[in-house]
N, C-alpha and C. Protein backbone atom coordinates (compact mmCIF):
# COMPACT_ATOMS: atom_id res chain seq x y z
N MET A 1 -61.12 -10.23 -23.97
CA MET A 1 -60.41 -10.24 -22.93
C MET A 1 -61.91 -9.94 -21.04
N ILE A 2 -60.71 -11.05 -20.61
CA ILE A 2 -61.25 -10.91 -19.16
C ILE A 2 -61.62 -9.94 -18.32
N VAL A 3 -62.10 -9.32 -17.79
CA VAL A 3 -61.61 -7.86 -16.65
C VAL A 3 -62.33 -8.36 -15.84
N THR A 4 -62.67 -7.71 -14.77
CA THR A 4 -63.01 -7.32 -13.75
C THR A 4 -64.23 -7.26 -14.14
N THR A 5 -65.27 -6.72 -13.42
CA THR A 5 -66.36 -6.00 -13.34
C THR A 5 -66.24 -4.20 -12.73
N ALA A 6 -65.22 -4.68 -11.90
CA ALA A 6 -65.10 -2.99 -11.05
C ALA A 6 -64.31 -2.57 -12.18
N GLN A 7 -63.19 -3.24 -12.77
CA GLN A 7 -62.32 -2.54 -13.94
C GLN A 7 -63.29 -1.37 -15.63
N LEU A 8 -64.38 -2.19 -15.49
CA LEU A 8 -65.26 -2.09 -16.22
C LEU A 8 -66.05 -0.89 -16.63
N PHE A 9 -66.65 -0.97 -14.96
CA PHE A 9 -67.41 0.24 -14.42
C PHE A 9 -66.22 1.27 -14.04
N LYS A 10 -65.24 1.32 -14.24
CA LYS A 10 -64.09 2.74 -13.69
C LYS A 10 -63.90 2.97 -14.91
N VAL A 11 -64.51 2.60 -16.16
CA VAL A 11 -64.36 2.88 -17.48
C VAL A 11 -65.02 3.90 -17.83
N ALA A 12 -66.74 2.93 -17.39
CA ALA A 12 -67.96 3.25 -17.84
C ALA A 12 -68.62 4.09 -17.19
N TYR A 13 -68.65 4.42 -16.04
CA TYR A 13 -68.85 4.79 -14.95
C TYR A 13 -68.80 6.68 -15.79
N GLY A 14 -70.41 7.22 -15.51
CA GLY A 14 -70.33 8.47 -16.66
C GLY A 14 -70.12 8.70 -17.72
N ASN A 15 -70.55 7.40 -18.64
CA ASN A 15 -69.49 7.99 -19.94
C ASN A 15 -70.67 6.70 -20.75
N PHE A 16 -71.00 5.60 -20.49
CA PHE A 16 -71.99 4.59 -21.04
C PHE A 16 -72.05 3.86 -20.42
N ALA A 17 -73.47 3.07 -20.35
CA ALA A 17 -73.68 1.18 -20.15
C ALA A 17 -73.44 0.39 -20.36
N VAL A 18 -73.50 -0.61 -18.93
CA VAL A 18 -72.29 -1.95 -19.94
C VAL A 18 -73.59 -2.89 -19.63
N GLY A 19 -73.45 -3.72 -20.76
CA GLY A 19 -74.91 -4.45 -21.01
C GLY A 19 -74.58 -5.53 -20.30
N ALA A 20 -75.61 -6.38 -19.17
CA ALA A 20 -75.24 -7.77 -18.80
C ALA A 20 -76.65 -8.81 -19.49
N TYR A 21 -75.72 -9.73 -20.13
CA TYR A 21 -76.65 -10.76 -20.98
C TYR A 21 -76.11 -12.22 -20.43
N ASN A 22 -77.55 -12.62 -19.86
CA ASN A 22 -77.64 -14.08 -19.56
C ASN A 22 -76.96 -15.14 -20.68
N ILE A 23 -76.28 -16.28 -21.07
CA ILE A 23 -76.50 -17.15 -21.70
C ILE A 23 -76.50 -18.41 -21.33
N ASN A 24 -76.59 -19.54 -22.17
CA ASN A 24 -77.22 -21.00 -21.74
C ASN A 24 -76.53 -21.58 -23.01
N ASN A 25 -75.87 -20.96 -23.89
CA ASN A 25 -75.33 -22.06 -25.39
C ASN A 25 -74.24 -21.59 -25.94
N MET A 26 -73.25 -21.44 -26.88
CA MET A 26 -72.59 -21.51 -27.65
C MET A 26 -73.36 -20.64 -28.69
N GLU A 27 -73.99 -20.20 -29.11
CA GLU A 27 -75.05 -19.38 -29.85
C GLU A 27 -75.30 -18.14 -29.52
N GLN A 28 -75.63 -17.91 -28.50
CA GLN A 28 -75.33 -17.27 -27.55
C GLN A 28 -74.88 -16.18 -27.44
N ALA A 29 -73.76 -17.09 -26.98
CA ALA A 29 -72.55 -16.46 -26.95
C ALA A 29 -71.97 -15.66 -28.26
N LEU A 30 -71.62 -16.41 -28.88
CA LEU A 30 -71.64 -15.72 -30.17
C LEU A 30 -72.18 -14.64 -30.54
N ALA A 31 -73.56 -14.50 -30.40
CA ALA A 31 -74.45 -13.55 -31.15
C ALA A 31 -74.34 -12.19 -30.15
N ILE A 32 -74.08 -12.17 -29.35
CA ILE A 32 -73.52 -11.33 -27.96
C ILE A 32 -71.59 -10.57 -28.45
N MET A 33 -71.28 -11.80 -28.74
CA MET A 33 -70.29 -11.02 -28.75
C MET A 33 -69.50 -10.18 -30.46
N ALA A 34 -70.62 -10.61 -30.95
CA ALA A 34 -70.53 -10.02 -33.00
C ALA A 34 -71.16 -9.23 -32.51
N ALA A 35 -72.46 -8.97 -31.64
CA ALA A 35 -72.66 -7.94 -31.52
C ALA A 35 -71.98 -6.67 -30.94
N ALA A 36 -71.25 -6.91 -29.96
CA ALA A 36 -70.65 -5.90 -29.39
C ALA A 36 -68.78 -5.57 -30.10
N SER A 37 -68.60 -6.46 -30.88
CA SER A 37 -67.70 -6.33 -31.55
C SER A 37 -68.17 -5.43 -32.65
N GLU A 38 -69.49 -5.62 -33.61
CA GLU A 38 -69.65 -4.17 -34.09
C GLU A 38 -69.90 -2.45 -33.59
N VAL A 39 -70.34 -2.94 -33.08
CA VAL A 39 -70.50 -1.65 -32.08
C VAL A 39 -69.38 -0.90 -30.99
N ASP A 40 -68.47 -2.36 -30.88
CA ASP A 40 -67.24 -1.37 -30.26
C ASP A 40 -67.43 -1.45 -28.82
N ALA A 41 -68.20 -2.14 -28.36
CA ALA A 41 -68.38 -2.14 -26.65
C ALA A 41 -67.73 -3.59 -25.61
N PRO A 42 -68.03 -3.32 -24.55
CA PRO A 42 -67.73 -3.88 -24.07
C PRO A 42 -68.41 -4.40 -22.71
N VAL A 43 -68.77 -5.92 -22.35
CA VAL A 43 -70.40 -6.86 -22.67
C VAL A 43 -70.31 -7.45 -20.94
N ILE A 44 -71.31 -7.57 -20.61
CA ILE A 44 -71.17 -8.73 -18.96
C ILE A 44 -71.54 -9.55 -18.95
N ILE A 45 -71.20 -10.91 -19.12
CA ILE A 45 -71.72 -12.06 -19.60
C ILE A 45 -71.79 -13.09 -18.48
N GLN A 46 -73.49 -13.23 -18.39
CA GLN A 46 -73.52 -14.23 -16.95
C GLN A 46 -74.20 -15.54 -17.40
N ALA A 47 -74.58 -16.22 -16.12
CA ALA A 47 -74.91 -17.58 -16.48
C ALA A 47 -76.05 -17.76 -15.49
N SER A 48 -77.13 -17.25 -15.51
CA SER A 48 -78.41 -18.32 -14.26
C SER A 48 -77.39 -19.72 -14.16
N ARG A 49 -78.34 -19.90 -12.08
CA ARG A 49 -78.16 -20.86 -12.20
C ARG A 49 -79.55 -22.55 -12.80
N GLY A 50 -79.93 -22.05 -13.43
CA GLY A 50 -80.21 -22.61 -15.01
C GLY A 50 -79.75 -22.92 -15.32
N ALA A 51 -78.74 -21.94 -16.11
CA ALA A 51 -77.86 -22.66 -16.89
C ALA A 51 -76.43 -23.04 -17.12
N ARG A 52 -76.07 -22.67 -15.83
CA ARG A 52 -75.19 -23.25 -15.26
C ARG A 52 -75.15 -24.83 -14.45
N SER A 53 -76.40 -25.25 -14.07
CA SER A 53 -77.49 -26.67 -14.04
C SER A 53 -77.19 -27.40 -15.42
N TYR A 54 -77.85 -26.93 -16.65
CA TYR A 54 -77.73 -26.89 -17.88
C TYR A 54 -76.42 -26.75 -19.07
N ALA A 55 -75.50 -26.74 -18.86
CA ALA A 55 -73.99 -26.60 -19.73
C ALA A 55 -73.23 -26.82 -18.58
N ASN A 56 -73.29 -26.50 -17.49
CA ASN A 56 -72.04 -27.65 -16.59
C ASN A 56 -70.88 -25.91 -16.58
N ASP A 57 -70.88 -25.63 -15.76
CA ASP A 57 -69.55 -24.77 -15.25
C ASP A 57 -68.42 -24.61 -16.08
N VAL A 58 -68.28 -26.11 -16.17
CA VAL A 58 -66.57 -26.08 -16.99
C VAL A 58 -67.00 -25.66 -18.52
N MET A 59 -67.86 -26.72 -19.00
CA MET A 59 -68.13 -26.17 -20.55
C MET A 59 -68.79 -24.50 -20.86
N LEU A 60 -69.07 -23.67 -19.85
CA LEU A 60 -69.28 -22.15 -19.83
C LEU A 60 -68.16 -21.36 -19.45
N LYS A 61 -66.94 -22.02 -18.78
CA LYS A 61 -65.67 -21.29 -19.32
C LYS A 61 -65.19 -21.72 -20.17
N HIS A 62 -65.67 -22.76 -20.75
CA HIS A 62 -64.85 -23.07 -22.16
C HIS A 62 -64.67 -21.78 -23.38
N MET A 63 -66.58 -21.86 -22.85
CA MET A 63 -67.28 -21.15 -24.14
C MET A 63 -66.55 -19.71 -24.11
N MET A 64 -66.63 -19.20 -22.90
CA MET A 64 -65.82 -17.73 -22.34
C MET A 64 -64.74 -17.32 -22.82
N ASP A 65 -63.59 -18.66 -22.30
CA ASP A 65 -62.48 -18.53 -22.77
C ASP A 65 -62.20 -18.44 -24.58
N ALA A 66 -63.20 -18.85 -25.29
CA ALA A 66 -63.25 -18.97 -26.69
C ALA A 66 -64.17 -17.98 -27.67
N VAL A 67 -65.28 -17.35 -26.98
CA VAL A 67 -65.43 -16.34 -27.25
C VAL A 67 -64.34 -15.15 -27.31
N THR A 68 -63.46 -14.65 -25.88
CA THR A 68 -62.83 -14.02 -25.73
C THR A 68 -61.41 -14.04 -27.00
N GLU A 69 -61.24 -15.14 -26.94
CA GLU A 69 -59.73 -15.80 -28.15
C GLU A 69 -60.47 -15.33 -29.33
N ILE A 70 -61.95 -15.30 -29.69
CA ILE A 70 -62.21 -15.27 -31.53
C ILE A 70 -62.76 -13.51 -31.31
N HIS A 71 -63.17 -13.01 -29.96
CA HIS A 71 -62.74 -11.53 -29.85
C HIS A 71 -62.24 -10.91 -29.13
N PRO A 72 -61.02 -10.50 -29.59
CA PRO A 72 -59.90 -10.30 -27.95
C PRO A 72 -59.94 -8.63 -27.78
N GLN A 73 -60.53 -8.04 -28.45
CA GLN A 73 -60.76 -6.79 -28.71
C GLN A 73 -61.34 -6.25 -27.85
N ILE A 74 -62.79 -7.28 -27.28
CA ILE A 74 -64.05 -6.36 -26.70
C ILE A 74 -63.39 -7.25 -24.99
N PRO A 75 -63.52 -6.08 -24.11
CA PRO A 75 -63.48 -6.10 -22.50
C PRO A 75 -65.15 -6.89 -22.49
N VAL A 76 -64.90 -8.37 -21.21
CA VAL A 76 -66.20 -9.08 -21.10
C VAL A 76 -65.56 -8.66 -19.70
């Protein structure tokens, strides 16, 4: 599920850290979500300016929609 960072930080503050990971492609997004699913941890997925120009914002948005559909229990 896609949530705001404010929502993530409200739950995490004082309890645990939330990892933030840069992605450039589908394989990275899938690997991050698979790992988060294994340990039942929320994640922040981000994209650098280079990734945004390489993959295009539209592609990145649809990748995020797909991985959150595959792993709906993980707050992103």
